[in-house]
Amino acid sequence: MRPMGYRLPSRYLKYADMTTRLYLLFSLNDERFAVHTDCITEVIPLVNLTNIPKTEHYVCGLMNYRGESIPVIDAVKLLYNRDYHKKICTRIIVLTFHQDEHTTRVGLIAEKVNMTKKIDSSLISAHKMTQQHSPYLGEIFSDQQGDIQIIDIEKIIPSESGCLKTVAS
């Protein structure tokens, strides 16, 4: 029996919290979305982009991120087919993920980037309709303010030609 006030050593606490994950929340057209923070490298203000001809309609261009050219996706254009609003809370979320042996970075322009939230994985559910039509929006969770859709950035991956394409799972 543990003495009163005894706390588990920190190496055991991470296992007790494995069912919760941290997400960065943002809003587009009064709808809320989230990106898992494991893939977030940095959140930065809007910067000038270099146009890339003949890419997907939601690819805004390339940005110089610490000496590396990375493609930038307009989340508003991807989801709602309109351009983002240039406001103080519009940000570029720099995301890093691993494919095979490569590390890939992508910028995601999002409006009203405003908070992080811990979500219990048991509260996350999948929607068949979004998985069919928008595979990058396969999961959703709810809080007191309503539904939040999770964007799976790994479903929007660079192709060999350097353009971005959406890949169904």
Protein backbone atom coordinates (compact mmCIF):
# COMPACT_ATOMS: atom_id res chain seq x y z
CA MET A 1 0.00 0.00 0.00
CA ARG A 2 1.32 3.46 -0.92
CA PRO A 3 1.65 6.15 1.74
CA MET A 4 -0.81 9.05 1.53
CA GLY A 5 0.37 11.76 -0.87
CA TYR A 6 2.57 9.30 -2.78
CA ARG A 7 2.89 10.06 -6.50
CA LEU A 8 3.93 7.69 -9.24
CA PRO A 9 7.39 8.37 -10.72
CA SER A 10 7.16 10.39 -13.95
CA ARG A 11 8.21 7.43 -16.11
CA TYR A 12 4.88 5.72 -15.23
CA LEU A 13 2.68 8.80 -15.74
CA LYS A 14 3.06 8.73 -19.52
CA TYR A 15 1.38 5.31 -19.65
CA ALA A 16 -1.58 6.53 -17.62
CA ASP A 17 -2.15 9.31 -20.16
CA MET A 18 -1.77 7.28 -23.39
CA THR A 19 -5.47 7.46 -24.21
CA THR A 20 -5.45 11.26 -24.55
CA ARG A 21 -3.90 13.16 -27.43
CA LEU A 22 -3.26 16.87 -27.88
CA TYR A 23 -4.77 18.70 -30.88
CA LEU A 24 -4.40 22.24 -32.25
CA LEU A 25 -7.83 23.71 -33.00
CA PHE A 26 -8.80 26.24 -35.67
CA SER A 27 -11.99 27.45 -37.34
CA LEU A 28 -13.00 27.82 -40.98
CA ASN A 29 -16.44 29.08 -42.06
CA ASP A 30 -17.69 28.72 -38.46
CA GLU A 31 -16.75 25.02 -38.48
CA ARG A 32 -14.01 23.73 -36.19
CA PHE A 33 -11.08 21.54 -37.19
CA ALA A 34 -8.06 20.02 -35.46
CA VAL A 35 -4.58 18.76 -36.31
CA HIS A 36 -2.73 16.36 -34.02
CA THR A 37 0.17 18.17 -32.37
CA ASP A 38 2.60 15.26 -32.84
CA CYS A 39 3.11 16.38 -36.43
CA ILE A 40 3.26 20.14 -35.73
CA THR A 41 6.72 21.66 -35.95
CA GLU A 42 5.78 25.31 -35.56
CA VAL A 43 2.91 27.79 -36.01
CA ILE A 44 4.01 30.95 -37.83
CA PRO A 45 2.41 34.12 -39.24
CA LEU A 46 1.60 34.37 -42.94
CA VAL A 47 4.63 34.87 -45.21
CA ASN A 48 5.11 35.56 -48.92
CA LEU A 49 4.78 32.45 -51.05
CA THR A 50 6.28 31.51 -54.41
CA ASN A 51 3.61 30.47 -56.91
CA ILE A 52 3.77 26.93 -58.32
CA PRO A 53 2.09 26.58 -61.72
CA LYS A 54 -0.03 23.51 -62.54
CA THR A 55 -0.57 22.24 -58.99
CA GLU A 56 -3.73 21.26 -57.18
CA HIS A 57 -6.11 24.19 -56.64
CA TYR A 58 -5.56 24.17 -52.86
CA VAL A 59 -1.75 24.49 -53.08
CA CYS A 60 -0.88 28.17 -52.47
CA GLY A 61 2.79 27.91 -53.31
CA LEU A 62 6.18 27.33 -51.73
CA MET A 63 7.61 28.99 -48.66
CA ASN A 64 11.16 29.14 -47.42
CA TYR A 65 11.16 27.42 -44.05
CA ARG A 66 14.60 27.61 -42.45
CA GLY A 67 16.33 27.18 -45.81
CA GLU A 68 13.99 24.46 -47.07
CA SER A 69 11.28 25.05 -49.69
CA ILE A 70 8.04 23.50 -48.49
CA PRO A 71 4.61 23.43 -50.16
CA VAL A 72 1.80 25.33 -48.47
CA ILE A 73 -1.81 24.14 -48.57
CA ASP A 74 -4.75 26.51 -48.14
CA ALA A 75 -7.10 24.61 -45.81
CA VAL A 76 -9.98 26.96 -46.70
CA LYS A 77 -9.53 26.31 -50.43
CA LEU A 78 -9.19 22.57 -49.82
CA LEU A 79 -12.36 22.34 -47.73
CA TYR A 80 -14.57 25.20 -48.97
CA ASN A 81 -13.11 26.20 -52.35
CA ARG A 82 -12.56 29.84 -51.35
CA ASP A 83 -9.42 31.80 -50.50
CA TYR A 84 -8.42 32.35 -46.88
CA HIS A 85 -8.92 35.71 -45.17
CA LYS A 86 -5.70 37.53 -44.31
CA LYS A 87 -6.33 38.27 -40.64
CA ILE A 88 -4.15 38.42 -37.56
CA CYS A 89 -5.30 34.96 -36.42
CA THR A 90 -4.62 33.34 -39.83
CA ARG A 91 -1.48 31.25 -39.49
CA ILE A 92 0.68 28.72 -41.29
CA ILE A 93 0.93 25.48 -39.35
CA VAL A 94 4.22 23.80 -40.30
CA LEU A 95 3.67 20.04 -40.20
CA THR A 96 6.30 17.33 -40.34
CA PHE A 97 5.57 13.68 -41.00
CA HIS A 98 7.51 10.64 -42.09
CA GLN A 99 6.86 8.53 -45.19
CA ASP A 100 8.99 5.48 -45.71
CA GLU A 101 12.52 6.80 -45.15
CA HIS A 102 11.72 10.45 -45.96
CA THR A 103 10.76 13.36 -43.75
CA THR A 104 8.20 15.65 -45.37
CA ARG A 105 7.21 19.15 -44.30
CA VAL A 106 4.04 20.89 -45.40
CA GLY A 107 2.56 24.25 -44.44
CA LEU A 108 -1.17 24.43 -43.77
CA ILE A 109 -2.85 27.85 -43.84
CA ALA A 110 -5.66 27.98 -41.29
CA GLU A 111 -7.90 30.74 -39.97
CA LYS A 112 -8.68 31.40 -36.31
CA VAL A 113 -5.88 29.21 -34.97
CA ASN A 114 -6.57 29.65 -31.31
CA MET A 115 -6.02 26.79 -28.86
CA THR A 116 -4.91 23.27 -28.06
CA LYS A 117 -7.13 20.64 -26.50
CA LYS A 118 -6.49 17.22 -24.97
CA ILE A 119 -8.96 14.66 -26.31
CA ASP A 120 -9.56 11.16 -25.00
CA SER A 121 -9.20 8.78 -27.96
CA SER A 122 -12.39 6.97 -26.91
CA LEU A 123 -14.34 10.15 -27.79
CA ILE A 124 -13.07 10.16 -31.39
CA SER A 125 -15.24 8.48 -34.00
CA ALA A 126 -15.01 7.89 -37.76
CA HIS A 127 -17.51 9.01 -40.39
CA LYS A 128 -17.95 6.85 -43.48
CA MET A 129 -19.22 9.77 -45.62
CA THR A 130 -16.13 11.93 -45.09
CA GLN A 131 -13.86 8.92 -45.53
CA GLN A 132 -15.35 8.36 -48.99
CA HIS A 133 -15.39 11.95 -50.23
CA SER A 134 -12.66 13.59 -48.15
CA PRO A 135 -10.32 10.92 -46.75
CA TYR A 136 -8.30 13.54 -44.86
CA LEU A 137 -11.44 14.25 -42.72
CA GLY A 138 -12.07 10.75 -41.43
CA GLU A 139 -12.42 11.39 -37.70
CA ILE A 140 -14.50 13.68 -35.50
CA PHE A 141 -15.00 14.44 -31.82
CA SER A 142 -17.36 16.72 -29.87
CA ASP A 143 -17.13 19.08 -26.94
CA GLN A 144 -19.56 21.53 -25.30
CA GLN A 145 -19.44 23.82 -28.37
CA GLY A 146 -20.10 21.12 -30.99
CA ASP A 147 -18.23 18.90 -33.43
CA ILE A 148 -14.56 19.18 -34.38
CA GLN A 149 -13.22 17.42 -37.48
CA ILE A 150 -9.67 16.09 -37.44
CA ILE A 151 -7.55 16.74 -40.54
CA ASP A 152 -5.21 13.85 -41.28
CA ILE A 153 -2.38 15.67 -43.05
CA GLU A 154 -0.73 12.38 -44.03
CA LYS A 155 -3.63 11.78 -46.45
CA ILE A 156 -2.51 14.89 -48.38
CA ILE A 157 0.96 13.86 -49.49
CA PRO A 158 3.53 15.03 -52.04
CA SER A 159 3.62 13.07 -55.25
CA GLU A 160 6.79 12.29 -57.16
CA SER A 161 6.22 15.31 -59.40
CA GLY A 162 6.38 17.73 -56.48
CA CYS A 163 2.69 18.62 -56.60
CA LEU A 164 0.36 17.63 -53.80
CA LYS A 165 -2.37 15.07 -54.21
CA THR A 166 -4.93 13.55 -51.93
CA VAL A 167 -4.54 9.85 -51.29
CA ALA A 168 -7.36 7.65 -50.06
CA SER A 169 -6.49 4.99 -47.50
